[in-house]
Amino acid sequence: MNKRTIVGPVLILLGAYLILNKGGELEAGSIFGTFWATLFIIPLGLFFHWMYFSMTRRRAAGLLIPGGILLTVGLVCQVSMLTGDWGTTWPGFILAPAVGLAEFYWFGGRNRWLLIPINILVVISLLFFSVFTVEALFNRTIMGQPFIAVALILGGLAFMLIRKKDS
């Protein structure tokens, strides 16, 4: 590893933090508080992957299960920390074991019985992601704006002003 592989991502993360921080203070505690997943969880997941692909010469596929879980959990936590939207991203924790098992299936012996829990976890995770994402988008765009109120007022006016031809 050279300096570029470490300094480059660190500079990118600090730049992203300064953009997202918008005038906040730059302290070590706030950096650790925001990027704890990137500093601790994601590297551990990458370490398991590195051990599988480099050290064991692809003979210990079981390393990919915790590696995939930790990498997915780290990404979910980091996205949640940056956006502050834990209510929408939490289904990623259901997806995490599916990613680890899928990596184990793909690089391991391809045991077809692993596809059952992988598919169940993926479907549940995608279901919750879609429900909570649609709800969040609906609440932020339609319910947060007076669109429904204006539509109700216009509907009421239409009922009052439009006369039937029978009367």
Protein backbone atom coordinates (compact mmCIF):
# COMPACT_ATOMS: atom_id res chain seq x y z
CA MET A 1 0.00 0.00 0.00
CA ASN A 2 1.24 3.43 -0.80
CA LYS A 3 0.30 6.86 0.51
CA ARG A 4 -2.19 7.49 -2.28
CA THR A 5 -4.48 4.64 -1.24
CA ILE A 6 -4.83 6.09 2.26
CA VAL A 7 -4.47 9.86 1.82
CA GLY A 8 -6.82 10.07 -1.19
CA PRO A 9 -9.92 8.60 0.50
CA VAL A 10 -9.18 10.53 3.70
CA LEU A 11 -9.09 13.82 1.79
CA ILE A 12 -12.31 12.91 -0.06
CA LEU A 13 -14.07 12.11 3.22
CA LEU A 14 -12.88 15.34 4.85
CA GLY A 15 -14.03 17.34 1.83
CA ALA A 16 -17.44 15.64 1.88
CA TYR A 17 -17.69 16.29 5.61
CA LEU A 18 -16.91 19.99 5.17
CA ILE A 19 -19.53 20.28 2.43
CA LEU A 20 -22.18 18.50 4.49
CA ASN A 21 -21.23 20.22 7.76
CA LYS A 22 -22.26 23.69 6.49
CA GLY A 23 -20.51 25.99 8.91
CA GLY A 24 -20.16 23.60 11.81
CA GLU A 25 -16.97 23.23 13.76
CA LEU A 26 -14.24 20.87 12.59
CA GLU A 27 -13.34 18.88 15.68
CA ALA A 28 -11.90 15.40 16.12
CA GLY A 29 -14.99 14.31 18.06
CA SER A 30 -17.37 15.42 15.33
CA ILE A 31 -15.27 13.71 12.65
CA PHE A 32 -15.22 10.45 14.61
CA GLY A 33 -18.91 10.87 15.38
CA THR A 34 -19.75 11.22 11.70
CA PHE A 35 -17.30 8.78 10.12
CA TRP A 36 -17.11 6.02 12.75
CA ALA A 37 -18.49 3.48 10.29
CA THR A 38 -15.91 4.37 7.65
CA LEU A 39 -13.11 4.34 10.18
CA PHE A 40 -13.92 1.10 11.99
CA ILE A 41 -16.59 -1.12 10.43
CA ILE A 42 -15.91 -0.82 6.69
CA PRO A 43 -12.14 -1.48 7.06
CA LEU A 44 -12.89 -4.59 9.10
CA GLY A 45 -15.20 -5.88 6.35
CA LEU A 46 -12.54 -5.10 3.75
CA PHE A 47 -9.99 -6.90 5.93
CA PHE A 48 -12.05 -10.11 5.79
CA HIS A 49 -12.29 -9.79 2.01
CA TRP A 50 -8.56 -9.14 1.74
CA MET A 51 -7.84 -12.21 3.88
CA TYR A 52 -9.98 -14.36 1.59
CA PHE A 53 -8.64 -13.06 -1.71
CA SER A 54 -4.98 -12.61 -0.72
CA MET A 55 -3.94 -14.62 2.31
CA THR A 56 -5.95 -17.84 1.98
CA ARG A 57 -5.74 -17.99 -1.82
CA ARG A 58 -9.53 -18.41 -2.03
CA ARG A 59 -9.64 -21.48 0.17
CA ALA A 60 -11.59 -20.07 3.15
CA ALA A 61 -14.87 -18.81 1.69
CA GLY A 62 -16.35 -18.58 5.19
CA LEU A 63 -14.40 -15.32 5.64
CA LEU A 64 -16.74 -13.69 3.15
CA ILE A 65 -19.82 -14.05 5.38
CA PRO A 66 -18.62 -11.66 8.13
CA GLY A 67 -16.84 -9.59 5.49
CA GLY A 68 -20.02 -9.04 3.48
CA ILE A 69 -22.09 -8.40 6.60
CA LEU A 70 -19.64 -5.87 8.04
CA LEU A 71 -19.15 -4.10 4.72
CA THR A 72 -22.90 -3.75 4.15
CA VAL A 73 -23.58 -2.67 7.74
CA GLY A 74 -20.75 -0.15 7.50
CA LEU A 75 -22.13 1.34 4.29
CA VAL A 76 -25.66 1.51 5.72
CA CYS A 77 -24.41 3.19 8.89
CA GLN A 78 -22.24 5.65 6.97
CA VAL A 79 -25.06 6.65 4.63
CA SER A 80 -27.37 7.00 7.63
CA MET A 81 -24.85 9.15 9.50
CA LEU A 82 -24.34 11.44 6.52
CA THR A 83 -28.01 11.83 5.67
CA GLY A 84 -29.43 11.52 9.19
CA ASP A 85 -32.14 9.26 7.78
CA TRP A 86 -31.99 6.09 9.87
CA GLY A 87 -35.74 5.64 9.42
CA THR A 88 -35.34 4.91 5.72
CA THR A 89 -32.03 3.05 5.64
CA TRP A 90 -32.56 0.52 8.44
CA PRO A 91 -33.64 -2.30 6.06
CA GLY A 92 -29.99 -2.42 5.01
CA PHE A 93 -29.35 -4.30 8.24
CA ILE A 94 -31.67 -7.06 6.99
CA LEU A 95 -29.83 -7.03 3.67
CA ALA A 96 -26.39 -7.40 5.32
CA PRO A 97 -26.55 -11.15 6.10
CA ALA A 98 -27.94 -11.76 2.63
CA VAL A 99 -24.87 -10.06 1.13
CA GLY A 100 -22.52 -12.16 3.26
CA LEU A 101 -24.34 -15.38 2.39
CA ALA A 102 -24.48 -14.42 -1.30
CA GLU A 103 -20.72 -13.91 -1.35
CA PHE A 104 -20.29 -17.27 0.37
CA TYR A 105 -22.58 -18.88 -2.20
CA TRP A 106 -20.83 -17.23 -5.13
CA PHE A 107 -17.24 -17.96 -4.09
CA GLY A 108 -17.91 -21.10 -2.03
CA GLY A 109 -19.29 -24.44 -3.07
CA ARG A 110 -22.49 -22.98 -4.54
CA ASN A 111 -24.80 -24.81 -2.17
CA ARG A 112 -28.23 -24.20 -3.67
CA TRP A 113 -29.90 -24.30 -0.23
CA LEU A 114 -28.20 -21.00 0.59
CA LEU A 115 -30.40 -19.33 -2.01
CA ILE A 116 -33.47 -19.77 0.22
CA PRO A 117 -32.35 -17.49 3.09
CA ILE A 118 -30.60 -15.15 0.66
CA ASN A 119 -33.79 -14.61 -1.35
CA ILE A 120 -36.00 -14.30 1.74
CA LEU A 121 -33.73 -11.66 3.28
CA VAL A 122 -33.37 -9.74 0.01
CA VAL A 123 -37.13 -9.69 -0.62
CA ILE A 124 -37.90 -8.56 2.94
CA SER A 125 -35.23 -5.89 2.78
CA LEU A 126 -36.38 -4.58 -0.60
CA LEU A 127 -39.98 -4.59 0.57
CA PHE A 128 -39.15 -2.49 3.61
CA PHE A 129 -36.83 -0.23 1.58
CA SER A 130 -39.56 0.44 -0.97
CA VAL A 131 -42.30 1.03 1.62
CA PHE A 132 -40.26 3.40 3.76
CA THR A 133 -38.69 5.18 0.79
CA VAL A 134 -42.07 5.81 -0.83
CA GLU A 135 -43.43 6.98 2.52
CA ALA A 136 -40.48 9.33 3.04
CA LEU A 137 -40.77 10.74 -0.48
CA PHE A 138 -44.53 11.11 -0.13
CA ASN A 139 -44.24 12.90 3.21
CA ARG A 140 -41.47 15.21 2.00
CA THR A 141 -43.02 16.18 -1.31
CA ILE A 142 -46.79 15.91 -1.15
CA MET A 143 -47.63 16.09 2.54
CA GLY A 144 -44.95 18.68 3.23
CA GLN A 145 -46.41 21.01 0.63
CA PRO A 146 -49.93 22.40 0.47
CA PHE A 147 -50.83 20.33 -2.62
CA ILE A 148 -53.47 18.27 -0.87
CA ALA A 149 -54.93 21.33 0.83
CA VAL A 150 -55.17 23.18 -2.48
CA ALA A 151 -56.70 20.12 -4.17
CA LEU A 152 -59.32 19.83 -1.42
CA ILE A 153 -60.18 23.53 -1.65
CA LEU A 154 -60.48 23.35 -5.44
CA GLY A 155 -62.59 20.20 -5.16
CA GLY A 156 -64.91 21.89 -2.67
CA LEU A 157 -65.23 24.97 -4.88
CA ALA A 158 -65.98 22.76 -7.87
CA PHE A 159 -68.77 21.00 -5.96
CA MET A 160 -70.23 24.34 -4.90
CA LEU A 161 -69.97 26.22 -8.20
CA ILE A 162 -70.62 23.58 -10.84
CA ARG A 163 -74.36 23.08 -11.22
CA LYS A 164 -76.01 20.05 -12.62
CA LYS A 165 -78.05 20.42 -15.80
CA ASP A 166 -80.99 18.72 -14.07
CA SER A 167 -81.58 21.56 -11.61
